[in-house]
């Protein structure tokens, strides 16, 4: 069974765009740092070098933090986040389901590392992305087919033919997300 769509490629290009912006900012930051060292007067005073190095570290941390936030948001576009918050409830029948190569276990691993407990036997929860082709049924509207990609744990995976709860974007009915508790 093959879900034919380009959701994975759209995500790939959004992620690559963020990585390209990050790479460009890192190149600019390092060029400015090197230019600052070249233009400084090599006198006995170390204060300008210390100020330049502190500015470099502050800018580096700022770029990394902004990049990490943008990268995590690039995974889910704004319209899908809006559908999660303001979506209209509907039901859908799973026509096809397929596991993609994407997974999101990094947050779980980070939570495990940063936890206050010294040791935990339970392994971190790893979520895999599944692409689905769904038959969406909304009250007062005609039934239609739509694509959906969601990160799910092993106990959340629906089977072909299952009926699931979804939310439909109010202005864009082709954008749907799973209804979460």
C-alpha atoms as a PDB file:
ATOM      1  CA  UNK A   1       0.000   0.000   0.000  1.00  0.00           C
ATOM      2  CA  UNK A   2       1.400   3.344  -1.052  1.00  0.00           C
ATOM      3  CA  UNK A   3       0.066   6.735  -0.061  1.00  0.00           C
ATOM      4  CA  UNK A   4       0.696   8.940  -3.061  1.00  0.00           C
ATOM      5  CA  UNK A   5       1.383  12.524  -2.028  1.00  0.00           C
ATOM      6  CA  UNK A   6       4.193  14.973  -1.420  1.00  0.00           C
ATOM      7  CA  UNK A   7       3.810  15.770   2.293  1.00  0.00           C
ATOM      8  CA  UNK A   8       7.219  14.263   3.022  1.00  0.00           C
ATOM      9  CA  UNK A   9       8.897  16.288   0.268  1.00  0.00           C
ATOM     10  CA  UNK A  10       7.249  19.499   1.499  1.00  0.00           C
ATOM     11  CA  UNK A  11       8.608  18.837   4.988  1.00  0.00           C
ATOM     12  CA  UNK A  12      12.039  18.010   3.544  1.00  0.00           C
ATOM     13  CA  UNK A  13      12.206  21.322   1.647  1.00  0.00           C
ATOM     14  CA  UNK A  14      11.010  23.323   4.687  1.00  0.00           C
ATOM     15  CA  UNK A  15      13.691  21.671   6.837  1.00  0.00           C
ATOM     16  CA  UNK A  16      16.400  22.218   4.206  1.00  0.00           C
ATOM     17  CA  UNK A  17      15.403  25.890   3.976  1.00  0.00           C
ATOM     18  CA  UNK A  18      15.916  26.268   7.734  1.00  0.00           C
ATOM     19  CA  UNK A  19      19.295  24.498   7.551  1.00  0.00           C
ATOM     20  CA  UNK A  20      20.347  26.775   4.674  1.00  0.00           C
ATOM     21  CA  UNK A  21      19.402  29.876   6.681  1.00  0.00           C
ATOM     22  CA  UNK A  22      21.345  28.494   9.669  1.00  0.00           C
ATOM     23  CA  UNK A  23      24.409  27.790   7.515  1.00  0.00           C
ATOM     24  CA  UNK A  24      24.279  31.261   5.987  1.00  0.00           C
ATOM     25  CA  UNK A  25      23.998  32.925   9.395  1.00  0.00           C
ATOM     26  CA  UNK A  26      26.919  30.871  10.720  1.00  0.00           C
ATOM     27  CA  UNK A  27      29.098  31.884   7.758  1.00  0.00           C
ATOM     28  CA  UNK A  28      28.197  35.566   8.220  1.00  0.00           C
ATOM     29  CA  UNK A  29      28.847  35.374  11.973  1.00  0.00           C
ATOM     30  CA  UNK A  30      32.278  33.804  11.508  1.00  0.00           C
ATOM     31  CA  UNK A  31      33.243  36.247   8.751  1.00  0.00           C
ATOM     32  CA  UNK A  32      32.266  39.182  10.975  1.00  0.00           C
ATOM     33  CA  UNK A  33      34.230  37.674  13.857  1.00  0.00           C
ATOM     34  CA  UNK A  34      37.332  37.262  11.690  1.00  0.00           C
ATOM     35  CA  UNK A  35      36.883  40.774  10.264  1.00  0.00           C
ATOM     36  CA  UNK A  36      36.654  42.143  13.805  1.00  0.00           C
ATOM     37  CA  UNK A  37      39.929  40.514  14.735  1.00  0.00           C
ATOM     38  CA  UNK A  38      41.620  41.852  11.605  1.00  0.00           C
ATOM     39  CA  UNK A  39      40.420  45.413  12.165  1.00  0.00           C
ATOM     40  CA  UNK A  40      41.283  45.582  15.860  1.00  0.00           C
ATOM     41  CA  UNK A  41      44.500  47.330  16.800  1.00  0.00           C
ATOM     42  CA  UNK A  42      46.975  44.766  18.180  1.00  0.00           C
ATOM     43  CA  UNK A  43      47.889  46.919  21.151  1.00  0.00           C
ATOM     44  CA  UNK A  44      48.445  45.652  24.671  1.00  0.00           C
ATOM     45  CA  UNK A  45      44.788  46.301  25.534  1.00  0.00           C
ATOM     46  CA  UNK A  46      42.809  43.022  25.524  1.00  0.00           C
ATOM     47  CA  UNK A  47      39.401  44.575  26.267  1.00  0.00           C
ATOM     48  CA  UNK A  48      38.315  44.944  22.586  1.00  0.00           C
ATOM     49  CA  UNK A  49      39.179  41.277  21.955  1.00  0.00           C
ATOM     50  CA  UNK A  50      37.235  40.180  25.034  1.00  0.00           C
ATOM     51  CA  UNK A  51      34.214  42.296  24.019  1.00  0.00           C
ATOM     52  CA  UNK A  52      34.365  40.879  20.470  1.00  0.00           C
ATOM     53  CA  UNK A  53      34.560  37.315  21.795  1.00  0.00           C
ATOM     54  CA  UNK A  54      31.631  37.861  24.196  1.00  0.00           C
ATOM     55  CA  UNK A  55      29.543  39.338  21.358  1.00  0.00           C
ATOM     56  CA  UNK A  56      30.450  36.343  19.214  1.00  0.00           C
ATOM     57  CA  UNK A  57      29.329  33.866  21.891  1.00  0.00           C
ATOM     58  CA  UNK A  58      26.074  35.768  22.542  1.00  0.00           C
ATOM     59  CA  UNK A  59      25.277  35.895  18.809  1.00  0.00           C
ATOM     60  CA  UNK A  60      26.175  32.214  18.401  1.00  0.00           C
ATOM     61  CA  UNK A  61      23.838  31.176  21.228  1.00  0.00           C
ATOM     62  CA  UNK A  62      21.073  33.421  19.827  1.00  0.00           C
ATOM     63  CA  UNK A  63      21.397  31.922  16.347  1.00  0.00           C
ATOM     64  CA  UNK A  64      21.326  28.366  17.698  1.00  0.00           C
ATOM     65  CA  UNK A  65      18.250  29.002  19.888  1.00  0.00           C
ATOM     66  CA  UNK A  66      16.324  30.725  17.076  1.00  0.00           C
ATOM     67  CA  UNK A  67      17.333  27.988  14.631  1.00  0.00           C
ATOM     68  CA  UNK A  68      16.189  25.207  16.979  1.00  0.00           C
ATOM     69  CA  UNK A  69      12.786  26.866  17.453  1.00  0.00           C
ATOM     70  CA  UNK A  70      12.332  27.523  13.738  1.00  0.00           C
ATOM     71  CA  UNK A  71      13.371  23.975  12.861  1.00  0.00           C
ATOM     72  CA  UNK A  72      10.834  22.482  15.254  1.00  0.00           C
ATOM     73  CA  UNK A  73       8.107  24.695  13.762  1.00  0.00           C
ATOM     74  CA  UNK A  74       9.144  23.884  10.180  1.00  0.00           C
ATOM     75  CA  UNK A  75       8.052  20.322  10.880  1.00  0.00           C
ATOM     76  CA  UNK A  76       4.427  21.478  11.262  1.00  0.00           C
ATOM     77  CA  UNK A  77       3.211  24.432   9.134  1.00  0.00           C
ATOM     78  CA  UNK A  78       1.070  27.219  10.615  1.00  0.00           C
ATOM     79  CA  UNK A  79      -2.145  26.005   8.958  1.00  0.00           C
ATOM     80  CA  UNK A  80      -1.843  22.632  10.688  1.00  0.00           C
ATOM     81  CA  UNK A  81      -1.216  24.269  14.061  1.00  0.00           C
ATOM     82  CA  UNK A  82      -4.330  26.421  13.482  1.00  0.00           C
ATOM     83  CA  UNK A  83      -6.361  23.306  12.604  1.00  0.00           C
ATOM     84  CA  UNK A  84      -5.294  21.717  15.924  1.00  0.00           C
ATOM     85  CA  UNK A  85      -6.565  24.720  17.869  1.00  0.00           C
ATOM     86  CA  UNK A  86      -9.566  25.951  15.859  1.00  0.00           C
ATOM     87  CA  UNK A  87     -10.471  22.911  13.753  1.00  0.00           C
ATOM     88  CA  UNK A  88     -14.014  21.665  13.326  1.00  0.00           C
ATOM     89  CA  UNK A  89     -14.585  18.131  14.650  1.00  0.00           C
ATOM     90  CA  UNK A  90     -15.199  15.412  12.075  1.00  0.00           C
ATOM     91  CA  UNK A  91     -14.715  11.687  11.585  1.00  0.00           C
ATOM     92  CA  UNK A  92     -12.655   9.893   8.975  1.00  0.00           C
ATOM     93  CA  UNK A  93     -12.178   6.366   7.697  1.00  0.00           C
ATOM     94  CA  UNK A  94      -8.581   5.240   7.160  1.00  0.00           C
ATOM     95  CA  UNK A  95      -8.352   4.221   3.501  1.00  0.00           C
ATOM     96  CA  UNK A  96      -4.563   3.745   3.415  1.00  0.00           C
ATOM     97  CA  UNK A  97      -1.822   4.052   6.009  1.00  0.00           C
ATOM     98  CA  UNK A  98       1.936   3.926   5.564  1.00  0.00           C
ATOM     99  CA  UNK A  99       4.901   4.560   7.855  1.00  0.00           C
ATOM    100  CA  UNK A 100       7.366   7.155   6.598  1.00  0.00           C
ATOM    101  CA  UNK A 101      11.019   7.289   7.547  1.00  0.00           C
ATOM    102  CA  UNK A 102      10.579  10.208   9.958  1.00  0.00           C
ATOM    103  CA  UNK A 103      10.547   9.839  13.726  1.00  0.00           C
ATOM    104  CA  UNK A 104      10.557  12.236  16.640  1.00  0.00           C
ATOM    105  CA  UNK A 105      12.243  10.758  19.633  1.00  0.00           C
ATOM    106  CA  UNK A 106      14.665  13.601  20.306  1.00  0.00           C
ATOM    107  CA  UNK A 107      12.384  15.408  22.751  1.00  0.00           C
ATOM    108  CA  UNK A 108      11.773  12.221  24.682  1.00  0.00           C
ATOM    109  CA  UNK A 109      15.506  11.523  24.884  1.00  0.00           C
ATOM    110  CA  UNK A 110      16.151  15.095  26.019  1.00  0.00           C
ATOM    111  CA  UNK A 111      13.475  14.744  28.686  1.00  0.00           C
ATOM    112  CA  UNK A 112      15.103  11.509  29.857  1.00  0.00           C
ATOM    113  CA  UNK A 113      18.537  13.122  30.055  1.00  0.00           C
ATOM    114  CA  UNK A 114      17.267  16.217  31.871  1.00  0.00           C
ATOM    115  CA  UNK A 115      14.960  14.375  34.256  1.00  0.00           C
ATOM    116  CA  UNK A 116      15.550  14.747  37.949  1.00  0.00           C
ATOM    117  CA  UNK A 117      15.367  11.006  38.521  1.00  0.00           C
ATOM    118  CA  UNK A 118      18.832   9.480  38.547  1.00  0.00           C
ATOM    119  CA  UNK A 119      17.817   6.336  36.682  1.00  0.00           C
ATOM    120  CA  UNK A 120      14.791   5.164  34.740  1.00  0.00           C
ATOM    121  CA  UNK A 121      14.157   1.661  33.429  1.00  0.00           C
ATOM    122  CA  UNK A 122      11.431   2.803  31.025  1.00  0.00           C
ATOM    123  CA  UNK A 123      12.853   3.613  27.576  1.00  0.00           C
ATOM    124  CA  UNK A 124      11.971   6.934  25.937  1.00  0.00           C
ATOM    125  CA  UNK A 125       8.806   7.002  23.834  1.00  0.00           C
ATOM    126  CA  UNK A 126       9.665   7.021  20.161  1.00  0.00           C
ATOM    127  CA  UNK A 127       7.040   8.295  17.737  1.00  0.00           C
ATOM    128  CA  UNK A 128       7.056   7.413  14.050  1.00  0.00           C
ATOM    129  CA  UNK A 129       5.308   9.383  11.367  1.00  0.00           C
ATOM    130  CA  UNK A 130       2.469   7.755   9.459  1.00  0.00           C
ATOM    131  CA  UNK A 131       0.898   9.089   6.276  1.00  0.00           C
ATOM    132  CA  UNK A 132      -2.751   8.316   5.782  1.00  0.00           C
ATOM    133  CA  UNK A 133      -5.302   8.734   3.045  1.00  0.00           C
ATOM    134  CA  UNK A 134      -8.636   9.334   4.729  1.00  0.00           C
ATOM    135  CA  UNK A 135     -12.281   9.522   3.771  1.00  0.00           C
ATOM    136  CA  UNK A 136     -13.456  12.566   5.751  1.00  0.00           C
ATOM    137  CA  UNK A 137     -17.078  12.882   6.874  1.00  0.00           C
ATOM    138  CA  UNK A 138     -18.280  16.234   8.231  1.00  0.00           C
ATOM    139  CA  UNK A 139     -21.791  17.037   9.402  1.00  0.00           C
ATOM    140  CA  UNK A 140     -23.582  19.090   6.780  1.00  0.00           C
ATOM    141  CA  UNK A 141     -20.882  18.653   4.098  1.00  0.00           C
ATOM    142  CA  UNK A 142     -20.120  16.153   1.362  1.00  0.00           C
ATOM    143  CA  UNK A 143     -17.635  13.374   2.097  1.00  0.00           C
ATOM    144  CA  UNK A 144     -14.167  13.751   0.548  1.00  0.00           C
ATOM    145  CA  UNK A 145     -10.675  12.287   0.626  1.00  0.00           C
ATOM    146  CA  UNK A 146      -7.701  13.993   2.264  1.00  0.00           C
ATOM    147  CA  UNK A 147      -4.096  13.295   3.252  1.00  0.00           C
ATOM    148  CA  UNK A 148      -2.838  13.305   6.823  1.00  0.00           C
ATOM    149  CA  UNK A 149       0.638  12.869   8.313  1.00  0.00           C
ATOM    150  CA  UNK A 150       0.994  12.399  12.085  1.00  0.00           C
ATOM    151  CA  UNK A 151       3.581  11.206  14.584  1.00  0.00           C
ATOM    152  CA  UNK A 152       2.159   8.241  16.494  1.00  0.00           C
ATOM    153  CA  UNK A 153       3.352   5.775  19.101  1.00  0.00           C
ATOM    154  CA  UNK A 154       2.879   2.056  18.515  1.00  0.00           C
ATOM    155  CA  UNK A 155      -0.396   1.960  20.498  1.00  0.00           C
ATOM    156  CA  UNK A 156      -1.976   4.893  18.594  1.00  0.00           C
ATOM    157  CA  UNK A 157      -1.676   3.497  15.059  1.00  0.00           C
ATOM    158  CA  UNK A 158      -5.069   3.026  13.369  1.00  0.00           C
ATOM    159  CA  UNK A 159      -5.640   0.199  10.906  1.00  0.00           C
ATOM    160  CA  UNK A 160      -7.054   0.406   7.425  1.00  0.00           C
ATOM    161  CA  UNK A 161     -10.837   0.692   7.747  1.00  0.00           C
ATOM    162  CA  UNK A 162     -10.800   2.196  11.263  1.00  0.00           C
ATOM    163  CA  UNK A 163     -12.869   5.297  12.012  1.00  0.00           C
ATOM    164  CA  UNK A 164     -10.900   8.063  13.729  1.00  0.00           C
ATOM    165  CA  UNK A 165     -11.678  11.518  15.109  1.00  0.00           C
ATOM    166  CA  UNK A 166     -10.110  14.417  13.212  1.00  0.00           C
ATOM    167  CA  UNK A 167     -10.257  18.197  13.103  1.00  0.00           C
ATOM    168  CA  UNK A 168     -10.746  20.096   9.849  1.00  0.00           C
ATOM    169  CA  UNK A 169      -9.300  23.564   9.244  1.00  0.00           C
ATOM    170  CA  UNK A 170     -12.224  26.044   9.040  1.00  0.00           C
ATOM    171  CA  UNK A 171     -11.057  27.781   5.834  1.00  0.00           C
ATOM    172  CA  UNK A 172      -9.106  24.933   4.197  1.00  0.00           C
ATOM    173  CA  UNK A 173     -11.011  21.622   4.387  1.00  0.00           C
ATOM    174  CA  UNK A 174      -8.079  19.744   2.807  1.00  0.00           C
ATOM    175  CA  UNK A 175      -6.021  20.416   5.950  1.00  0.00           C
ATOM    176  CA  UNK A 176      -6.917  17.927   8.648  1.00  0.00           C
ATOM    177  CA  UNK A 177      -5.231  16.766  11.854  1.00  0.00           C
ATOM    178  CA  UNK A 178      -5.962  14.031  14.364  1.00  0.00           C
ATOM    179  CA  UNK A 179      -8.164  15.119  17.251  1.00  0.00           C
ATOM    180  CA  UNK A 180      -6.113  14.745  20.429  1.00  0.00           C
ATOM    181  CA  UNK A 181      -7.565  14.393  23.928  1.00  0.00           C
END
